[in-house]
Amino acid sequence: MTGISANELKTKGVLAIQTALEQQTEAIISVRGKDRFVVMNLTHYQYLRECELTAALVESNEDMAAGRYVKESAEEHLARLERME
């Protein structure tokens, strides 16, 4: 994964990000020599979000099929949440 230092980002601005993302889909921004942030283009971010939502849907469907759910009214749900605290 391509790296960008905070100093490079400070001096080159968005151009540093654009240059890094021409080579790969993600770039790490380091601050004082430590990796701190990841930047990516919006298309790649949206793809990752879609993957995350698809995985959540698969997990929910598996829970439903296995009977790992509770059927209750909104009031019952709130009361159950209060008891959990």
PDB file of N, CA and C in Angstrom:
ATOM      1  N   MET A   1       0.848  -1.170   0.000  1.00  0.00           N
ATOM      2  CA  MET A   1       0.000   0.000   0.000  1.00  0.00           C
ATOM      3  C   MET A   1       0.898   1.238   0.000  1.00  0.00           C
ATOM      4  N   THR A   2       0.538   2.204  -0.787  1.00  0.00           N
ATOM      5  CA  THR A   2       1.307   3.433  -0.904  1.00  0.00           C
ATOM      6  C   THR A   2       1.214   4.246   0.379  1.00  0.00           C
ATOM      7  N   GLY A   3       2.323   4.875   0.756  1.00  0.00           N
ATOM      8  CA  GLY A   3       2.348   5.695   1.960  1.00  0.00           C
ATOM      9  C   GLY A   3       2.521   7.167   1.637  1.00  0.00           C
ATOM     10  N   ILE A   4       1.902   7.997   2.445  1.00  0.00           N
ATOM     11  CA  ILE A   4       2.016   9.449   2.336  1.00  0.00           C
ATOM     12  C   ILE A   4       2.340   9.971   3.722  1.00  0.00           C
ATOM     13  N   SER A   5       3.375  10.759   3.846  1.00  0.00           N
ATOM     14  CA  SER A   5       3.681  11.347   5.155  1.00  0.00           C
ATOM     15  C   SER A   5       2.810  12.575   5.365  1.00  0.00           C
ATOM     16  N   ALA A   6       2.589  12.906   6.620  1.00  0.00           N
ATOM     17  CA  ALA A   6       1.808  14.102   6.935  1.00  0.00           C
ATOM     18  C   ALA A   6       2.481  15.338   6.362  1.00  0.00           C
ATOM     19  N   ASN A   7       3.817  15.352   6.369  1.00  0.00           N
ATOM     20  CA  ASN A   7       4.548  16.490   5.826  1.00  0.00           C
ATOM     21  C   ASN A   7       4.316  16.608   4.315  1.00  0.00           C
ATOM     22  N   GLU A   8       4.328  15.477   3.626  1.00  0.00           N
ATOM     23  CA  GLU A   8       4.068  15.484   2.188  1.00  0.00           C
ATOM     24  C   GLU A   8       2.660  15.972   1.906  1.00  0.00           C
ATOM     25  N   LEU A   9       1.727  15.540   2.723  1.00  0.00           N
ATOM     26  CA  LEU A   9       0.342  15.979   2.572  1.00  0.00           C
ATOM     27  C   LEU A   9       0.231  17.480   2.818  1.00  0.00           C
ATOM     28  N   LYS A  10       0.985  17.958   3.794  1.00  0.00           N
ATOM     29  CA  LYS A  10       0.975  19.385   4.116  1.00  0.00           C
ATOM     30  C   LYS A  10       1.533  20.216   2.956  1.00  0.00           C
ATOM     31  N   THR A  11       2.609  19.744   2.340  1.00  0.00           N
ATOM     32  CA  THR A  11       3.239  20.537   1.280  1.00  0.00           C
ATOM     33  C   THR A  11       2.577  20.352  -0.077  1.00  0.00           C
ATOM     34  N   LYS A  12       2.088  19.148  -0.378  1.00  0.00           N
ATOM     35  CA  LYS A  12       1.526  18.881  -1.700  1.00  0.00           C
ATOM     36  C   LYS A  12       0.006  18.869  -1.731  1.00  0.00           C
ATOM     37  N   GLY A  13      -0.609  18.760  -0.557  1.00  0.00           N
ATOM     38  CA  GLY A  13      -2.065  18.769  -0.477  1.00  0.00           C
ATOM     39  C   GLY A  13      -2.699  17.559  -1.154  1.00  0.00           C
ATOM     40  N   VAL A  14      -3.826  17.797  -1.791  1.00  0.00           N
ATOM     41  CA  VAL A  14      -4.604  16.737  -2.420  1.00  0.00           C
ATOM     42  C   VAL A  14      -3.806  16.055  -3.535  1.00  0.00           C
ATOM     43  N   LEU A  15      -2.894  16.749  -4.149  1.00  0.00           N
ATOM     44  CA  LEU A  15      -2.072  16.155  -5.199  1.00  0.00           C
ATOM     45  C   LEU A  15      -1.319  14.926  -4.685  1.00  0.00           C
ATOM     46  N   ALA A  16      -0.868  14.950  -3.445  1.00  0.00           N
ATOM     47  CA  ALA A  16      -0.179  13.799  -2.866  1.00  0.00           C
ATOM     48  C   ALA A  16      -1.114  12.593  -2.792  1.00  0.00           C
ATOM     49  N   ILE A  17      -2.353  12.843  -2.450  1.00  0.00           N
ATOM     50  CA  ILE A  17      -3.343  11.765  -2.385  1.00  0.00           C
ATOM     51  C   ILE A  17      -3.652  11.251  -3.785  1.00  0.00           C
ATOM     52  N   GLN A  18      -3.888  12.158  -4.715  1.00  0.00           N
ATOM     53  CA  GLN A  18      -4.198  11.752  -6.082  1.00  0.00           C
ATOM     54  C   GLN A  18      -3.072  10.919  -6.683  1.00  0.00           C
ATOM     55  N   THR A  19      -1.845  11.339  -6.471  1.00  0.00           N
ATOM     56  CA  THR A  19      -0.696  10.610  -7.008  1.00  0.00           C
ATOM     57  C   THR A  19      -0.621   9.208  -6.409  1.00  0.00           C
ATOM     58  N   ALA A  20      -0.819   9.112  -5.105  1.00  0.00           N
ATOM     59  CA  ALA A  20      -0.761   7.807  -4.442  1.00  0.00           C
ATOM     60  C   ALA A  20      -1.875   6.890  -4.941  1.00  0.00           C
ATOM     61  N   LEU A  21      -3.063   7.440  -5.150  1.00  0.00           N
ATOM     62  CA  LEU A  21      -4.200   6.625  -5.562  1.00  0.00           C
ATOM     63  C   LEU A  21      -4.152   6.249  -7.041  1.00  0.00           C
ATOM     64  N   GLU A  22      -3.245   6.833  -7.804  1.00  0.00           N
ATOM     65  CA  GLU A  22      -3.055   6.404  -9.192  1.00  0.00           C
ATOM     66  C   GLU A  22      -2.387   5.036  -9.231  1.00  0.00           C
ATOM     67  N   GLN A  23      -1.647   4.713  -8.172  1.00  0.00           N
ATOM     68  CA  GLN A  23      -0.899   3.455  -8.112  1.00  0.00           C
ATOM     69  C   GLN A  23      -1.695   2.338  -7.444  1.00  0.00           C
ATOM     70  N   GLN A  24      -2.497   2.666  -6.445  1.00  0.00           N
ATOM     71  CA  GLN A  24      -3.260   1.666  -5.691  1.00  0.00           C
ATOM     72  C   GLN A  24      -4.606   2.249  -5.299  1.00  0.00           C
ATOM     73  N   THR A  25      -5.481   1.401  -4.772  1.00  0.00           N
ATOM     74  CA  THR A  25      -6.824   1.853  -4.401  1.00  0.00           C
ATOM     75  C   THR A  25      -6.861   2.525  -3.033  1.00  0.00           C
ATOM     76  N   GLU A  26      -5.816   2.313  -2.228  1.00  0.00           N
ATOM     77  CA  GLU A  26      -5.763   2.895  -0.883  1.00  0.00           C
ATOM     78  C   GLU A  26      -4.363   3.422  -0.621  1.00  0.00           C
ATOM     79  N   ALA A  27      -4.270   4.422   0.250  1.00  0.00           N
ATOM     80  CA  ALA A  27      -2.969   4.955   0.654  1.00  0.00           C
ATOM     81  C   ALA A  27      -2.993   5.221   2.151  1.00  0.00           C
ATOM     82  N   ILE A  28      -1.889   4.951   2.801  1.00  0.00           N
ATOM     83  CA  ILE A  28      -1.765   5.181   4.245  1.00  0.00           C
ATOM     84  C   ILE A  28      -1.092   6.527   4.477  1.00  0.00           C
ATOM     85  N   ILE A  29      -1.644   7.299   5.386  1.00  0.00           N
ATOM     86  CA  ILE A  29      -1.026   8.567   5.792  1.00  0.00           C
ATOM     87  C   ILE A  29      -0.347   8.330   7.129  1.00  0.00           C
ATOM     88  N   SER A  30       0.931   8.632   7.170  1.00  0.00           N
ATOM     89  CA  SER A  30       1.681   8.455   8.421  1.00  0.00           C
ATOM     90  C   SER A  30       1.931   9.818   9.063  1.00  0.00           C
ATOM     91  N   VAL A  31       1.884   9.810  10.365  1.00  0.00           N
ATOM     92  CA  VAL A  31       2.138  11.017  11.155  1.00  0.00           C
ATOM     93  C   VAL A  31       3.280  10.690  12.110  1.00  0.00           C
ATOM     94  N   ARG A  32       4.349  11.464  12.007  1.00  0.00           N
ATOM     95  CA  ARG A  32       5.552  11.244  12.816  1.00  0.00           C
ATOM     96  C   ARG A  32       6.056   9.799  12.714  1.00  0.00           C
ATOM     97  N   GLY A  33       6.014   9.268  11.499  1.00  0.00           N
ATOM     98  CA  GLY A  33       6.532   7.937  11.244  1.00  0.00           C
ATOM     99  C   GLY A  33       5.606   6.789  11.592  1.00  0.00           C
ATOM    100  N   LYS A  34       4.392   7.079  12.077  1.00  0.00           N
ATOM    101  CA  LYS A  34       3.449   6.018  12.433  1.00  0.00           C
ATOM    102  C   LYS A  34       2.227   6.091  11.518  1.00  0.00           C
ATOM    103  N   ASP A  35       1.834   4.939  11.008  1.00  0.00           N
ATOM    104  CA  ASP A  35       0.646   4.882  10.162  1.00  0.00           C
ATOM    105  C   ASP A  35      -0.576   5.259  10.991  1.00  0.00           C
ATOM    106  N   ARG A  36      -1.355   6.230  10.473  1.00  0.00           N
ATOM    107  CA  ARG A  36      -2.499   6.726  11.249  1.00  0.00           C
ATOM    108  C   ARG A  36      -3.823   6.699  10.494  1.00  0.00           C
ATOM    109  N   PHE A  37      -3.797   6.925   9.179  1.00  0.00           N
ATOM    110  CA  PHE A  37      -5.039   7.061   8.419  1.00  0.00           C
ATOM    111  C   PHE A  37      -4.932   6.326   7.089  1.00  0.00           C
ATOM    112  N   VAL A  38      -6.088   5.989   6.535  1.00  0.00           N
ATOM    113  CA  VAL A  38      -6.152   5.408   5.199  1.00  0.00           C
ATOM    114  C   VAL A  38      -7.076   6.289   4.371  1.00  0.00           C
ATOM    115  N   VAL A  39      -6.649   6.598   3.161  1.00  0.00           N
ATOM    116  CA  VAL A  39      -7.499   7.347   2.230  1.00  0.00           C
ATOM    117  C   VAL A  39      -7.727   6.486   0.995  1.00  0.00           C
ATOM    118  N   MET A  40      -8.875   6.686   0.373  1.00  0.00           N
ATOM    119  CA  MET A  40      -9.209   5.944  -0.842  1.00  0.00           C
ATOM    120  C   MET A  40     -10.178   6.778  -1.664  1.00  0.00           C
ATOM    121  N   ASN A  41     -10.325   6.425  -2.930  1.00  0.00           N
ATOM    122  CA  ASN A  41     -11.281   7.179  -3.728  1.00  0.00           C
ATOM    123  C   ASN A  41     -12.691   6.756  -3.350  1.00  0.00           C
ATOM    124  N   LEU A  42     -13.649   7.586  -3.674  1.00  0.00           N
ATOM    125  CA  LEU A  42     -15.027   7.376  -3.244  1.00  0.00           C
ATOM    126  C   LEU A  42     -15.620   6.098  -3.835  1.00  0.00           C
ATOM    127  N   THR A  43     -15.282   5.775  -5.067  1.00  0.00           N
ATOM    128  CA  THR A  43     -15.805   4.560  -5.693  1.00  0.00           C
ATOM    129  C   THR A  43     -15.385   3.325  -4.910  1.00  0.00           C
ATOM    130  N   HIS A  44     -14.119   3.276  -4.495  1.00  0.00           N
ATOM    131  CA  HIS A  44     -13.637   2.133  -3.720  1.00  0.00           C
ATOM    132  C   HIS A  44     -14.313   2.082  -2.346  1.00  0.00           C
ATOM    133  N   TYR A  45     -14.486   3.231  -1.717  1.00  0.00           N
ATOM    134  CA  TYR A  45     -15.170   3.300  -0.422  1.00  0.00           C
ATOM    135  C   TYR A  45     -16.600   2.771  -0.549  1.00  0.00           C
ATOM    136  N   GLN A  46     -17.310   3.212  -1.580  1.00  0.00           N
ATOM    137  CA  GLN A  46     -18.693   2.766  -1.771  1.00  0.00           C
ATOM    138  C   GLN A  46     -18.753   1.260  -2.012  1.00  0.00           C
ATOM    139  N   TYR A  47     -17.774   0.728  -2.736  1.00  0.00           N
ATOM    140  CA  TYR A  47     -17.696  -0.717  -2.950  1.00  0.00           C
ATOM    141  C   TYR A  47     -17.515  -1.448  -1.614  1.00  0.00           C
ATOM    142  N   LEU A  48     -16.609  -0.954  -0.769  1.00  0.00           N
ATOM    143  CA  LEU A  48     -16.378  -1.581   0.531  1.00  0.00           C
ATOM    144  C   LEU A  48     -17.620  -1.503   1.414  1.00  0.00           C
ATOM    145  N   ARG A  49     -18.324  -0.381   1.374  1.00  0.00           N
ATOM    146  CA  ARG A  49     -19.563  -0.250   2.153  1.00  0.00           C
ATOM    147  C   ARG A  49     -20.605  -1.255   1.670  1.00  0.00           C
ATOM    148  N   GLU A  50     -20.702  -1.422   0.356  1.00  0.00           N
ATOM    149  CA  GLU A  50     -21.645  -2.388  -0.194  1.00  0.00           C
ATOM    150  C   GLU A  50     -21.285  -3.801   0.270  1.00  0.00           C
ATOM    151  N   CYS A  51     -20.005  -4.130   0.274  1.00  0.00           N
ATOM    152  CA  CYS A  51     -19.563  -5.443   0.765  1.00  0.00           C
ATOM    153  C   CYS A  51     -19.940  -5.626   2.229  1.00  0.00           C
ATOM    154  N   GLU A  52     -19.737  -4.581   3.019  1.00  0.00           N
ATOM    155  CA  GLU A  52     -20.061  -4.644   4.443  1.00  0.00           C
ATOM    156  C   GLU A  52     -21.559  -4.854   4.660  1.00  0.00           C
ATOM    157  N   LEU A  53     -22.380  -4.137   3.898  1.00  0.00           N
ATOM    158  CA  LEU A  53     -23.829  -4.284   4.036  1.00  0.00           C
ATOM    159  C   LEU A  53     -24.298  -5.657   3.559  1.00  0.00           C
ATOM    160  N   THR A  54     -23.683  -6.169   2.498  1.00  0.00           N
ATOM    161  CA  THR A  54     -24.025  -7.504   2.007  1.00  0.00           C
ATOM    162  C   THR A  54     -23.679  -8.554   3.063  1.00  0.00           C
ATOM    163  N   ALA A  55     -22.524  -8.420   3.695  1.00  0.00           N
ATOM    164  CA  ALA A  55     -22.125  -9.364   4.747  1.00  0.00           C
ATOM    165  C   ALA A  55     -23.101  -9.297   5.921  1.00  0.00           C
ATOM    166  N   ALA A  56     -23.542  -8.099   6.279  1.00  0.00           N
ATOM    167  CA  ALA A  56     -24.503  -7.951   7.381  1.00  0.00           C
ATOM    168  C   ALA A  56     -25.829  -8.615   7.025  1.00  0.00           C
ATOM    169  N   LEU A  57     -26.248  -8.485   5.778  1.00  0.00           N
ATOM    170  CA  LEU A  57     -27.495  -9.109   5.340  1.00  0.00           C
ATOM    171  C   LEU A  57     -27.380 -10.633   5.386  1.00  0.00           C
ATOM    172  N   VAL A  58     -26.252 -11.173   4.936  1.00  0.00           N
ATOM    173  CA  VAL A  58     -26.030 -12.620   4.989  1.00  0.00           C
ATOM    174  C   VAL A  58     -26.071 -13.102   6.440  1.00  0.00           C
ATOM    175  N   GLU A  59     -25.405 -12.381   7.322  1.00  0.00           N
ATOM    176  CA  GLU A  59     -25.392 -12.752   8.739  1.00  0.00           C
ATOM    177  C   GLU A  59     -26.800 -12.704   9.331  1.00  0.00           C
ATOM    178  N   SER A  60     -27.568 -11.681   8.982  1.00  0.00           N
ATOM    179  CA  SER A  60     -28.945 -11.567   9.487  1.00  0.00           C
ATOM    180  C   SER A  60     -29.803 -12.715   8.989  1.00  0.00           C
ATOM    181  N   ASN A  61     -29.650 -13.059   7.709  1.00  0.00           N
ATOM    182  CA  ASN A  61     -30.424 -14.173   7.154  1.00  0.00           C
ATOM    183  C   ASN A  61     -30.058 -15.488   7.838  1.00  0.00           C
ATOM    184  N   GLU A  62     -28.775 -15.676   8.133  1.00  0.00           N
ATOM    185  CA  GLU A  62     -28.345 -16.887   8.846  1.00  0.00           C
ATOM    186  C   GLU A  62     -28.943 -16.921  10.243  1.00  0.00           C
ATOM    187  N   ASP A  63     -28.966 -15.771  10.921  1.00  0.00           N
ATOM    188  CA  ASP A  63     -29.572 -15.715  12.257  1.00  0.00           C
ATOM    189  C   ASP A  63     -31.053 -16.045  12.198  1.00  0.00           C
ATOM    190  N   MET A  64     -31.748 -15.511  11.201  1.00  0.00           N
ATOM    191  CA  MET A  64     -33.181 -15.800  11.066  1.00  0.00           C
ATOM    192  C   MET A  64     -33.407 -17.286  10.818  1.00  0.00           C
ATOM    193  N   ALA A  65     -32.615 -17.865   9.916  1.00  0.00           N
ATOM    194  CA  ALA A  65     -32.770 -19.287   9.595  1.00  0.00           C
ATOM    195  C   ALA A  65     -32.486 -20.177  10.803  1.00  0.00           C
ATOM    196  N   ALA A  66     -31.569 -19.742  11.666  1.00  0.00           N
ATOM    197  CA  ALA A  66     -31.203 -20.532  12.851  1.00  0.00           C
ATOM    198  C   ALA A  66     -32.100 -20.227  14.057  1.00  0.00           C
ATOM    199  N   GLY A  67     -33.036 -19.289  13.881  1.00  0.00           N
ATOM    200  CA  GLY A  67     -33.940 -18.960  14.976  1.00  0.00           C
ATOM    201  C   GLY A  67     -33.336 -18.043  16.024  1.00  0.00           C
ATOM    202  N   ARG A  68     -32.249 -17.370  15.673  1.00  0.00           N
ATOM    203  CA  ARG A  68     -31.595 -16.456  16.619  1.00  0.00           C
ATOM    204  C   ARG A  68     -32.179 -15.043  16.461  1.00  0.00           C
ATOM    205  N   TYR A  69     -33.421 -14.894  16.894  1.00  0.00           N
ATOM    206  CA  TYR A  69     -34.067 -13.587  16.849  1.00  0.00           C
ATOM    207  C   TYR A  69     -35.186 -13.561  17.874  1.00  0.00           C
ATOM    208  N   VAL A  70     -35.675 -12.374  18.150  1.00  0.00           N
ATOM    209  CA  VAL A  70     -36.766 -12.187  19.104  1.00  0.00           C
ATOM    210  C   VAL A  70     -37.876 -11.438  18.395  1.00  0.00           C
ATOM    211  N   LYS A  71     -39.106 -11.939  18.526  1.00  0.00           N
ATOM    212  CA  LYS A  71     -40.260 -11.265  17.945  1.00  0.00           C
ATOM    213  C   LYS A  71     -41.022 -10.612  19.100  1.00  0.00           C
ATOM    214  N   GLU A  72     -41.090  -9.275  19.066  1.00  0.00           N
ATOM    215  CA  GLU A  72     -41.726  -8.544  20.164  1.00  0.00           C
ATOM    216  C   GLU A  72     -42.182  -7.179  19.673  1.00  0.00           C
ATOM    217  N   SER A  73     -43.045  -6.556  20.466  1.00  0.00           N
ATOM    218  CA  SER A  73     -43.515  -5.209  20.131  1.00  0.00           C
ATOM    219  C   SER A  73     -42.415  -4.198  20.462  1.00  0.00           C
ATOM    220  N   ALA A  74     -42.596  -2.973  19.990  1.00  0.00           N
ATOM    221  CA  ALA A  74     -41.627  -1.915  20.291  1.00  0.00           C
ATOM    222  C   ALA A  74     -41.531  -1.697  21.800  1.00  0.00           C
ATOM    223  N   GLU A  75     -42.663  -1.728  22.487  1.00  0.00           N
ATOM    224  CA  GLU A  75     -42.661  -1.527  23.932  1.00  0.00           C
ATOM    225  C   GLU A  75     -41.912  -2.651  24.649  1.00  0.00           C
ATOM    226  N   GLU A  76     -42.141  -3.881  24.217  1.00  0.00           N
ATOM    227  CA  GLU A  76     -41.442  -5.019  24.813  1.00  0.00           C
ATOM    228  C   GLU A  76     -39.931  -4.929  24.546  1.00  0.00           C
ATOM    229  N   HIS A  77     -39.608  -4.484  23.358  1.00  0.00           N
ATOM    230  CA  HIS A  77     -38.194  -4.341  23.006  1.00  0.00           C
ATOM    231  C   HIS A  77     -37.503  -3.312  23.903  1.00  0.00           C
ATOM    232  N   LEU A  78     -38.140  -2.170  24.081  1.00  0.00           N
ATOM    233  CA  LEU A  78     -37.559  -1.133  24.940  1.00  0.00           C
ATOM    234  C   LEU A  78     -37.437  -1.612  26.382  1.00  0.00           C
ATOM    235  N   ALA A  79     -38.437  -2.319  26.855  1.00  0.00           N
ATOM    236  CA  ALA A  79     -38.397  -2.842  28.236  1.00  0.00           C
ATOM    237  C   ALA A  79     -37.246  -3.846  28.367  1.00  0.00           C
ATOM    238  N   ARG A  80     -37.046  -4.696  27.357  1.00  0.00           N
ATOM    239  CA  ARG A  80     -35.958  -5.670  27.405  1.00  0.00           C
ATOM    240  C   ARG A  80     -34.587  -4.975  27.411  1.00  0.00           C
ATOM    241  N   LEU A  81     -34.468  -3.908  26.620  1.00  0.00           N
ATOM    242  CA  LEU A  81     -33.210  -3.150  26.591  1.00  0.00           C
ATOM    243  C   LEU A  81     -32.934  -2.501  27.938  1.00  0.00           C
ATOM    244  N   GLU A  82     -33.948  -1.987  28.583  1.00  0.00           N
ATOM    245  CA  GLU A  82     -33.775  -1.368  29.892  1.00  0.00           C
ATOM    246  C   GLU A  82     -33.331  -2.403  30.938  1.00  0.00           C
ATOM    247  N   ARG A  83     -33.854  -3.611  30.835  1.00  0.00           N
ATOM    248  CA  ARG A  83     -33.460  -4.674  31.778  1.00  0.00           C
ATOM    249  C   ARG A  83     -32.005  -5.088  31.559  1.00  0.00           C
ATOM    250  N   MET A  84     -31.495  -4.898  30.371  1.00  0.00           N
ATOM    251  CA  MET A  84     -30.112  -5.298  30.051  1.00  0.00           C
ATOM    252  C   MET A  84     -29.081  -4.342  30.636  1.00  0.00           C
ATOM    253  N   GLU A  85     -29.488  -3.141  30.975  1.00  0.00           N
ATOM    254  CA  GLU A  85     -28.541  -2.143  31.484  1.00  0.00           C
ATOM    255  C   GLU A  85     -28.079  -2.440  32.887  1.00  0.00           C
TER     256      GLU A  85
END
